[in-house]
Amino acid sequence: IEKITQMEGPNILRLKGIIALKGDDERYVIQGVHMIIEGDHQRAWKDGEKHESRLVFIGRELDAERLKKSFDACQA
């Protein structure tokens, strides 16, 4: 996330998402505006809930493929 905000920060108008961290029993929720990103554990994953990361970017001139490749490289 830090690398992406450094590369794309001025073009990111809004960012929201849930991140599934390997070995973590809680959902990690992030939100941000431009280069200011905050995150915190929200709650435990519910039984049967799929542990997956989901992010939404709202911005201008964002390279969707580059963003996807950056996140794919982080998968554990």
N, C-alpha and C. Protein backbone atom coordinates (compact mmCIF):
# COMPACT_ATOMS: atom_id res chain seq x y z
N ILE A 1 0.84 -1.18 0.00
CA ILE A 1 0.00 0.00 0.00
C ILE A 1 0.89 1.25 0.00
N GLU A 2 1.93 1.22 0.82
CA GLU A 2 2.82 2.38 0.90
C GLU A 2 3.46 2.67 -0.46
N LYS A 3 3.93 1.64 -1.12
CA LYS A 3 4.57 1.81 -2.43
C LYS A 3 3.58 2.39 -3.44
N ILE A 4 2.37 1.88 -3.42
CA ILE A 4 1.36 2.36 -4.37
C ILE A 4 1.00 3.81 -4.10
N THR A 5 0.87 4.19 -2.84
CA THR A 5 0.54 5.58 -2.54
C THR A 5 1.69 6.50 -2.92
N GLN A 6 2.92 6.03 -2.85
CA GLN A 6 4.05 6.85 -3.29
C GLN A 6 4.01 7.04 -4.80
N MET A 7 3.65 5.98 -5.53
CA MET A 7 3.62 6.06 -6.99
C MET A 7 2.38 6.81 -7.50
N GLU A 8 1.24 6.55 -6.90
CA GLU A 8 -0.03 7.03 -7.43
C GLU A 8 -0.76 8.02 -6.52
N GLY A 9 -0.19 8.34 -5.37
CA GLY A 9 -0.87 9.13 -4.35
C GLY A 9 -1.67 10.32 -4.83
N PRO A 10 -1.08 11.23 -5.60
CA PRO A 10 -1.83 12.40 -6.04
C PRO A 10 -3.05 12.06 -6.90
N ASN A 11 -3.03 10.90 -7.55
CA ASN A 11 -4.15 10.50 -8.41
C ASN A 11 -5.20 9.68 -7.68
N ILE A 12 -4.90 9.25 -6.45
CA ILE A 12 -5.87 8.46 -5.67
C ILE A 12 -6.77 9.43 -4.91
N LEU A 13 -8.02 9.52 -5.35
CA LEU A 13 -8.96 10.38 -4.65
C LEU A 13 -9.49 9.69 -3.40
N ARG A 14 -9.73 8.38 -3.51
CA ARG A 14 -10.28 7.62 -2.38
C ARG A 14 -9.86 6.17 -2.52
N LEU A 15 -9.62 5.53 -1.38
CA LEU A 15 -9.25 4.12 -1.33
C LEU A 15 -9.96 3.50 -0.13
N LYS A 16 -10.60 2.36 -0.36
CA LYS A 16 -11.25 1.62 0.72
C LYS A 16 -11.00 0.15 0.48
N GLY A 17 -10.92 -0.61 1.55
CA GLY A 17 -10.78 -2.04 1.33
C GLY A 17 -10.62 -2.86 2.58
N ILE A 18 -10.65 -4.16 2.36
CA ILE A 18 -10.43 -5.16 3.40
C ILE A 18 -9.26 -6.00 2.95
N ILE A 19 -8.31 -6.21 3.84
CA ILE A 19 -7.14 -7.00 3.51
C ILE A 19 -7.10 -8.23 4.40
N ALA A 20 -6.91 -9.38 3.77
CA ALA A 20 -6.75 -10.65 4.49
C ALA A 20 -5.26 -10.89 4.65
N LEU A 21 -4.75 -10.73 5.85
CA LEU A 21 -3.33 -10.93 6.11
C LEU A 21 -3.09 -12.38 6.52
N LYS A 22 -2.08 -12.98 5.94
CA LYS A 22 -1.77 -14.38 6.22
C LYS A 22 -1.52 -14.58 7.72
N GLY A 23 -2.20 -15.57 8.30
CA GLY A 23 -2.02 -15.91 9.70
C GLY A 23 -2.77 -15.00 10.66
N ASP A 24 -3.56 -14.06 10.13
CA ASP A 24 -4.30 -13.12 10.97
C ASP A 24 -5.77 -13.53 11.01
N ASP A 25 -6.33 -13.66 12.20
CA ASP A 25 -7.71 -14.08 12.35
C ASP A 25 -8.71 -12.93 12.23
N GLU A 26 -8.22 -11.72 12.00
CA GLU A 26 -9.10 -10.56 11.89
C GLU A 26 -8.96 -9.88 10.54
N ARG A 27 -10.05 -9.28 10.10
CA ARG A 27 -10.04 -8.49 8.87
C ARG A 27 -9.29 -7.18 9.13
N TYR A 28 -8.48 -6.77 8.19
CA TYR A 28 -7.77 -5.50 8.30
C TYR A 28 -8.42 -4.54 7.30
N VAL A 29 -8.99 -3.46 7.82
CA VAL A 29 -9.73 -2.51 7.00
C VAL A 29 -8.88 -1.27 6.78
N ILE A 30 -8.79 -0.84 5.52
CA ILE A 30 -8.04 0.37 5.21
C ILE A 30 -8.94 1.36 4.49
N GLN A 31 -8.60 2.63 4.63
CA GLN A 31 -9.25 3.69 3.88
C GLN A 31 -8.27 4.84 3.75
N GLY A 32 -8.46 5.62 2.73
CA GLY A 32 -7.54 6.71 2.55
C GLY A 32 -8.00 7.71 1.51
N VAL A 33 -7.31 8.85 1.54
CA VAL A 33 -7.51 9.93 0.59
C VAL A 33 -6.13 10.38 0.17
N HIS A 34 -5.91 10.44 -1.13
CA HIS A 34 -4.60 10.81 -1.69
C HIS A 34 -3.51 9.94 -1.05
N MET A 35 -2.57 10.54 -0.35
CA MET A 35 -1.44 9.78 0.20
C MET A 35 -1.62 9.48 1.69
N ILE A 36 -2.78 9.78 2.23
CA ILE A 36 -3.04 9.52 3.65
C ILE A 36 -3.89 8.25 3.75
N ILE A 37 -3.25 7.18 4.21
CA ILE A 37 -3.91 5.88 4.31
C ILE A 37 -3.88 5.42 5.76
N GLU A 38 -5.03 4.99 6.27
CA GLU A 38 -5.12 4.47 7.64
C GLU A 38 -5.73 3.07 7.60
N GLY A 39 -5.34 2.27 8.57
CA GLY A 39 -5.90 0.93 8.64
C GLY A 39 -5.93 0.43 10.07
N ASP A 40 -6.81 -0.55 10.30
CA ASP A 40 -6.93 -1.14 11.63
C ASP A 40 -7.68 -2.46 11.52
N HIS A 41 -7.46 -3.32 12.49
CA HIS A 41 -8.22 -4.56 12.55
C HIS A 41 -9.66 -4.20 12.90
N GLN A 42 -10.59 -4.81 12.19
CA GLN A 42 -12.00 -4.50 12.38
C GLN A 42 -12.69 -5.51 13.28
N ARG A 43 -12.63 -6.78 12.86
CA ARG A 43 -13.31 -7.84 13.59
C ARG A 43 -12.76 -9.18 13.10
N ALA A 44 -13.09 -10.21 13.83
CA ALA A 44 -12.68 -11.56 13.41
C ALA A 44 -13.47 -11.97 12.16
N TRP A 45 -12.83 -12.79 11.34
CA TRP A 45 -13.53 -13.35 10.19
C TRP A 45 -14.66 -14.25 10.71
N LYS A 46 -15.81 -14.18 10.09
CA LYS A 46 -16.94 -15.04 10.47
C LYS A 46 -16.69 -16.45 9.96
N ASP A 47 -17.28 -17.43 10.65
CA ASP A 47 -17.19 -18.82 10.20
C ASP A 47 -17.72 -18.91 8.77
N GLY A 48 -16.96 -19.53 7.91
CA GLY A 48 -17.37 -19.70 6.52
C GLY A 48 -17.13 -18.50 5.63
N GLU A 49 -16.72 -17.38 6.21
CA GLU A 49 -16.46 -16.19 5.41
C GLU A 49 -15.15 -16.36 4.65
N LYS A 50 -15.18 -16.06 3.37
CA LYS A 50 -13.99 -16.22 2.54
C LYS A 50 -12.94 -15.18 2.92
N HIS A 51 -11.74 -15.66 3.22
CA HIS A 51 -10.64 -14.77 3.58
C HIS A 51 -10.02 -14.25 2.29
N GLU A 52 -10.45 -13.08 1.86
CA GLU A 52 -9.93 -12.50 0.64
C GLU A 52 -9.79 -11.00 0.80
N SER A 53 -8.85 -10.45 0.06
CA SER A 53 -8.65 -9.00 0.07
C SER A 53 -9.48 -8.39 -1.04
N ARG A 54 -10.08 -7.25 -0.72
CA ARG A 54 -10.87 -6.50 -1.71
C ARG A 54 -10.56 -5.03 -1.53
N LEU A 55 -10.19 -4.39 -2.61
CA LEU A 55 -9.85 -2.97 -2.57
C LEU A 55 -10.59 -2.22 -3.67
N VAL A 56 -10.97 -0.99 -3.36
CA VAL A 56 -11.61 -0.12 -4.34
C VAL A 56 -10.82 1.18 -4.38
N PHE A 57 -10.40 1.55 -5.57
CA PHE A 57 -9.70 2.82 -5.78
C PHE A 57 -10.60 3.72 -6.61
N ILE A 58 -10.72 4.96 -6.18
CA ILE A 58 -11.37 5.99 -6.98
C ILE A 58 -10.30 7.02 -7.26
N GLY A 59 -10.09 7.31 -8.52
CA GLY A 59 -9.02 8.25 -8.85
C GLY A 59 -9.08 8.70 -10.28
N ARG A 60 -8.01 9.33 -10.69
CA ARG A 60 -7.92 9.79 -12.07
C ARG A 60 -6.59 9.30 -12.65
N GLU A 61 -6.67 8.82 -13.87
CA GLU A 61 -5.50 8.34 -14.59
C GLU A 61 -4.75 7.23 -13.85
N LEU A 62 -5.47 6.39 -13.12
CA LEU A 62 -4.85 5.26 -12.43
C LEU A 62 -4.65 4.12 -13.43
N ASP A 63 -3.53 3.46 -13.33
CA ASP A 63 -3.22 2.32 -14.20
C ASP A 63 -3.71 1.05 -13.49
N ALA A 64 -4.89 0.59 -13.86
CA ALA A 64 -5.51 -0.56 -13.18
C ALA A 64 -4.63 -1.80 -13.26
N GLU A 65 -4.02 -2.05 -14.39
CA GLU A 65 -3.18 -3.24 -14.55
C GLU A 65 -1.95 -3.16 -13.64
N ARG A 66 -1.35 -2.00 -13.55
CA ARG A 66 -0.18 -1.82 -12.66
C ARG A 66 -0.57 -2.01 -11.20
N LEU A 67 -1.73 -1.49 -10.80
CA LEU A 67 -2.21 -1.68 -9.43
C LEU A 67 -2.42 -3.17 -9.15
N LYS A 68 -3.06 -3.86 -10.08
CA LYS A 68 -3.32 -5.29 -9.89
C LYS A 68 -2.02 -6.07 -9.77
N LYS A 69 -1.05 -5.79 -10.62
CA LYS A 69 0.23 -6.49 -10.56
C LYS A 69 0.94 -6.22 -9.24
N SER A 70 0.86 -5.00 -8.73
CA SER A 70 1.49 -4.67 -7.45
C SER A 70 0.90 -5.48 -6.32
N PHE A 71 -0.43 -5.63 -6.31
CA PHE A 71 -1.08 -6.40 -5.25
C PHE A 71 -0.87 -7.89 -5.43
N ASP A 72 -0.88 -8.35 -6.67
CA ASP A 72 -0.63 -9.78 -6.92
C ASP A 72 0.75 -10.19 -6.41
N ALA A 73 1.72 -9.29 -6.50
CA ALA A 73 3.08 -9.58 -6.05
C ALA A 73 3.16 -9.72 -4.53
N CYS A 74 2.16 -9.22 -3.81
CA CYS A 74 2.15 -9.27 -2.35
C CYS A 74 1.50 -10.53 -1.79
N GLN A 75 0.88 -11.32 -2.62
CA GLN A 75 0.15 -12.49 -2.13
C GLN A 75 1.09 -13.49 -1.47
N ALA A 76 0.61 -14.00 -0.33
CA ALA A 76 1.39 -15.02 0.40
C ALA A 76 0.80 -16.39 0.18
